Amino acid sequence: MGNREKIRFKLKSFDLKRMKKTGIFLAIVGSLIGIGIILSVYGNLLIFEDLNQGEGEVFLGQDFEIEIELDNKESQTGIYAVQITEFEKAEIYATIIDPFNSAIEQQRLSQEVFEGNFEIRSSGTYKLIIENRGEMVKIFAVIGSEPDSGKMSLNLISIIVLMMGLFGMIGLAIFLIINRRRKVS
């Protein structure tokens, strides 16, 4: 083997080593993104399992109602959210009714997506009543007890893992671009 052949062999083996490292890094970054997506889906399933959901079309003068059993020993705070499509000429009110049929919270909804909290004073059936005093709208609504911090932290962890994977992907792309420029020079 001459000097030229030795140099070519060393360059080829160096490129192979770099490609193997790039492949391993790509596999790690891809795994991080996959794990982040799985954690995000699982976290959302855990959060929404304790919420009662409903959706439908609500016409002028019609009410939309969702009920849920809540225990004040498990959680002191309840949450509700309403998403409205075709909102332009709608006049929508959301009311929370406690187990004693008293309105404990009432809001006029002035935006397409609204989230609110209410106090769970006693155990029993709570109702989210959505009143429409305008044109027909499509509504998606949820009501339930506030998710505990463990479930919420799982969502935060999934976002961090996804961001690590995405930043790793950007770093890998920059690394590959710089190395290709070096090869050309």
Protein backbone atom coordinates (compact mmCIF):
# COMPACT_ATOMS: atom_id res chain seq x y z
CA MET A 1 0.00 0.00 0.00
CA GLY A 2 1.41 3.38 -1.05
CA ASN A 3 1.10 6.65 0.81
CA ARG A 4 -1.83 7.81 -1.36
CA GLU A 5 -3.78 4.64 -0.74
CA LYS A 6 -3.17 4.91 3.01
CA ILE A 7 -4.41 8.51 3.01
CA ARG A 8 -7.55 7.55 1.02
CA PHE A 9 -8.22 4.62 3.37
CA LYS A 10 -7.85 6.89 6.42
CA LEU A 11 -10.21 9.49 4.88
CA LYS A 12 -12.82 6.83 4.05
CA SER A 13 -12.65 5.32 7.54
CA PHE A 14 -12.88 8.82 9.06
CA ASP A 15 -16.02 9.54 6.99
CA LEU A 16 -17.51 6.20 8.03
CA LYS A 17 -16.88 6.95 11.70
CA ARG A 18 -18.48 10.38 11.33
CA MET A 19 -21.48 8.89 9.51
CA LYS A 20 -21.91 6.27 12.25
CA LYS A 21 -21.84 9.00 14.90
CA THR A 22 -24.36 11.03 12.89
CA GLY A 23 -26.62 7.99 12.55
CA ILE A 24 -26.45 7.26 16.27
CA PHE A 25 -27.18 10.91 17.09
CA LEU A 26 -30.09 10.90 14.64
CA ALA A 27 -31.50 7.77 16.31
CA ILE A 28 -31.20 9.38 19.76
CA VAL A 29 -32.86 12.61 18.61
CA GLY A 30 -35.64 10.67 16.86
CA SER A 31 -36.20 8.61 20.00
CA LEU A 32 -36.46 11.77 22.11
CA ILE A 33 -39.08 13.20 19.77
CA GLY A 34 -41.02 9.91 19.79
CA ILE A 35 -40.89 9.65 23.58
CA GLY A 36 -42.01 13.29 23.89
CA ILE A 37 -45.01 12.67 21.64
CA ILE A 38 -45.99 9.52 23.55
CA LEU A 39 -45.69 11.31 26.91
CA SER A 40 -47.77 14.21 25.58
CA VAL A 41 -50.57 11.94 24.39
CA TYR A 42 -50.52 9.92 27.62
CA GLY A 43 -50.49 13.10 29.75
CA ASN A 44 -53.49 14.50 27.88
CA LEU A 45 -55.36 11.22 28.32
CA LEU A 46 -54.71 11.34 32.06
CA ILE A 47 -55.87 14.95 32.30
CA PHE A 48 -59.03 14.43 30.26
CA GLU A 49 -60.06 11.15 31.92
CA ASP A 50 -61.52 13.04 34.90
CA LEU A 51 -63.34 15.59 32.75
CA ASN A 52 -66.80 15.16 31.29
CA GLN A 53 -66.99 16.36 27.68
CA GLY A 54 -69.82 17.34 25.41
CA GLU A 55 -70.24 18.84 21.98
CA GLY A 56 -73.07 19.82 19.73
CA GLU A 57 -74.99 22.54 17.94
CA VAL A 58 -76.88 25.01 20.11
CA PHE A 59 -79.65 27.07 18.51
CA LEU A 60 -81.20 30.38 19.61
CA GLY A 61 -82.94 30.00 22.98
CA GLN A 62 -81.57 26.50 23.50
CA ASP A 63 -79.45 25.31 26.43
CA PHE A 64 -76.58 22.84 26.37
CA GLU A 65 -75.90 20.93 29.60
CA ILE A 66 -73.09 18.71 30.91
CA GLU A 67 -73.19 17.03 34.33
CA ILE A 68 -70.46 15.47 36.44
CA GLU A 69 -70.15 13.99 39.93
CA LEU A 70 -67.48 15.83 41.95
CA ASP A 71 -66.12 15.07 45.40
CA ASN A 72 -64.83 18.00 47.45
CA LYS A 73 -62.56 15.60 49.38
CA GLU A 74 -60.61 14.80 46.20
CA SER A 75 -60.34 18.36 44.88
CA GLN A 76 -61.46 21.79 46.07
CA THR A 77 -61.34 23.39 42.64
CA GLY A 78 -63.30 22.59 39.51
CA ILE A 79 -62.57 23.71 35.98
CA TYR A 80 -64.62 24.19 32.88
CA ALA A 81 -63.80 25.20 29.33
CA VAL A 82 -65.94 26.14 26.36
CA GLN A 83 -64.87 26.37 22.73
CA ILE A 84 -67.28 28.00 20.30
CA THR A 85 -67.09 27.92 16.50
CA GLU A 86 -68.90 30.41 14.29
CA PHE A 87 -68.80 32.92 17.15
CA GLU A 88 -69.37 36.23 15.29
CA LYS A 89 -73.02 36.99 16.20
CA ALA A 90 -73.37 34.72 19.20
CA GLU A 91 -74.39 35.74 22.69
CA ILE A 92 -73.37 32.84 24.92
CA TYR A 93 -73.55 32.46 28.71
CA ALA A 94 -71.96 29.70 30.79
CA THR A 95 -73.36 28.90 34.22
CA ILE A 96 -72.11 26.44 36.84
CA ILE A 97 -74.83 24.90 39.02
CA ASP A 98 -73.91 23.20 42.32
CA PRO A 99 -75.63 20.13 43.86
CA PHE A 100 -78.18 22.44 45.56
CA ASN A 101 -79.26 23.90 42.16
CA SER A 102 -77.64 27.26 42.95
CA ALA A 103 -75.68 29.15 40.31
CA ILE A 104 -72.17 29.51 41.72
CA GLU A 105 -70.53 30.94 38.59
CA GLN A 106 -71.91 32.73 35.54
CA GLN A 107 -69.92 34.20 32.67
CA ARG A 108 -70.80 35.90 29.40
CA LEU A 109 -68.44 34.34 26.88
CA SER A 110 -66.80 37.00 24.74
CA GLN A 111 -64.17 34.88 22.98
CA GLU A 112 -64.01 31.61 21.04
CA VAL A 113 -62.18 29.75 23.82
CA PHE A 114 -62.97 30.33 27.49
CA GLU A 115 -61.60 28.60 30.59
CA GLY A 116 -62.85 29.14 34.12
CA ASN A 117 -62.56 27.80 37.66
CA PHE A 118 -65.11 27.27 40.39
CA GLU A 119 -65.02 26.17 44.01
CA ILE A 120 -66.25 22.65 44.85
CA ARG A 121 -67.99 23.38 48.16
CA SER A 122 -69.78 20.06 48.57
CA SER A 123 -69.83 16.66 46.91
CA GLY A 124 -72.51 15.99 44.34
CA THR A 125 -73.60 16.66 40.77
CA TYR A 126 -72.33 19.86 39.21
CA LYS A 127 -73.72 21.14 35.90
CA LEU A 128 -72.30 23.32 33.18
CA ILE A 129 -75.19 25.01 31.38
CA ILE A 130 -74.48 26.94 28.22
CA GLU A 131 -77.23 29.31 27.07
CA ASN A 132 -77.43 30.65 23.53
CA ARG A 133 -79.16 34.02 23.04
CA GLY A 134 -77.86 34.54 19.51
CA GLU A 135 -77.42 32.62 16.28
CA MET A 136 -76.70 28.88 16.09
CA VAL A 137 -73.19 27.89 17.22
CA LYS A 138 -71.18 24.69 17.54
CA ILE A 139 -69.88 24.12 21.05
CA PHE A 140 -67.28 21.85 22.64
CA ALA A 141 -67.27 22.00 26.45
CA VAL A 142 -65.66 20.18 29.39
CA ILE A 143 -66.20 20.25 33.15
CA GLY A 144 -64.49 18.41 35.99
CA SER A 145 -62.12 18.64 38.91
CA GLU A 146 -58.79 20.36 38.45
CA PRO A 147 -56.08 17.85 37.47
CA ASP A 148 -53.49 17.18 40.17
CA SER A 149 -49.94 18.46 39.85
CA GLY A 150 -48.56 15.01 38.92
CA LYS A 151 -50.67 14.88 35.77
CA MET A 152 -49.79 18.45 34.88
CA SER A 153 -46.05 17.82 35.41
CA LEU A 154 -46.21 14.92 32.93
CA ASN A 155 -47.27 17.43 30.28
CA LEU A 156 -44.37 19.70 31.21
CA ILE A 157 -41.91 16.80 31.00
CA SER A 158 -43.23 15.85 27.57
CA ILE A 159 -42.71 19.41 26.32
CA ILE A 160 -39.13 19.45 27.65
CA VAL A 161 -38.31 16.09 26.00
CA LEU A 162 -39.83 17.26 22.69
CA MET A 163 -37.82 20.48 22.81
CA MET A 164 -34.61 18.54 23.50
CA GLY A 165 -35.31 16.36 20.48
CA LEU A 166 -36.12 19.31 18.24
CA PHE A 167 -33.04 21.27 19.33
CA GLY A 168 -30.97 18.14 18.78
CA MET A 169 -32.40 17.86 15.27
CA ILE A 170 -31.48 21.49 14.56
CA GLY A 171 -27.98 20.92 15.95
CA LEU A 172 -27.56 17.83 13.79
CA ALA A 173 -28.65 19.74 10.68
CA ILE A 174 -26.15 22.53 11.44
CA PHE A 175 -23.40 19.95 12.04
CA LEU A 176 -24.11 18.24 8.72
CA ILE A 177 -24.16 21.54 6.80
CA ILE A 178 -20.84 22.64 8.31
CA ASN A 179 -19.21 19.28 7.54
CA ARG A 180 -20.41 19.31 3.93
CA ARG A 181 -18.97 22.80 3.46
CA ARG A 182 -15.64 21.55 4.86
CA LYS A 183 -15.64 18.63 2.39
CA VAL A 184 -16.27 20.95 -0.55
CA SER A 185 -13.48 23.35 0.47
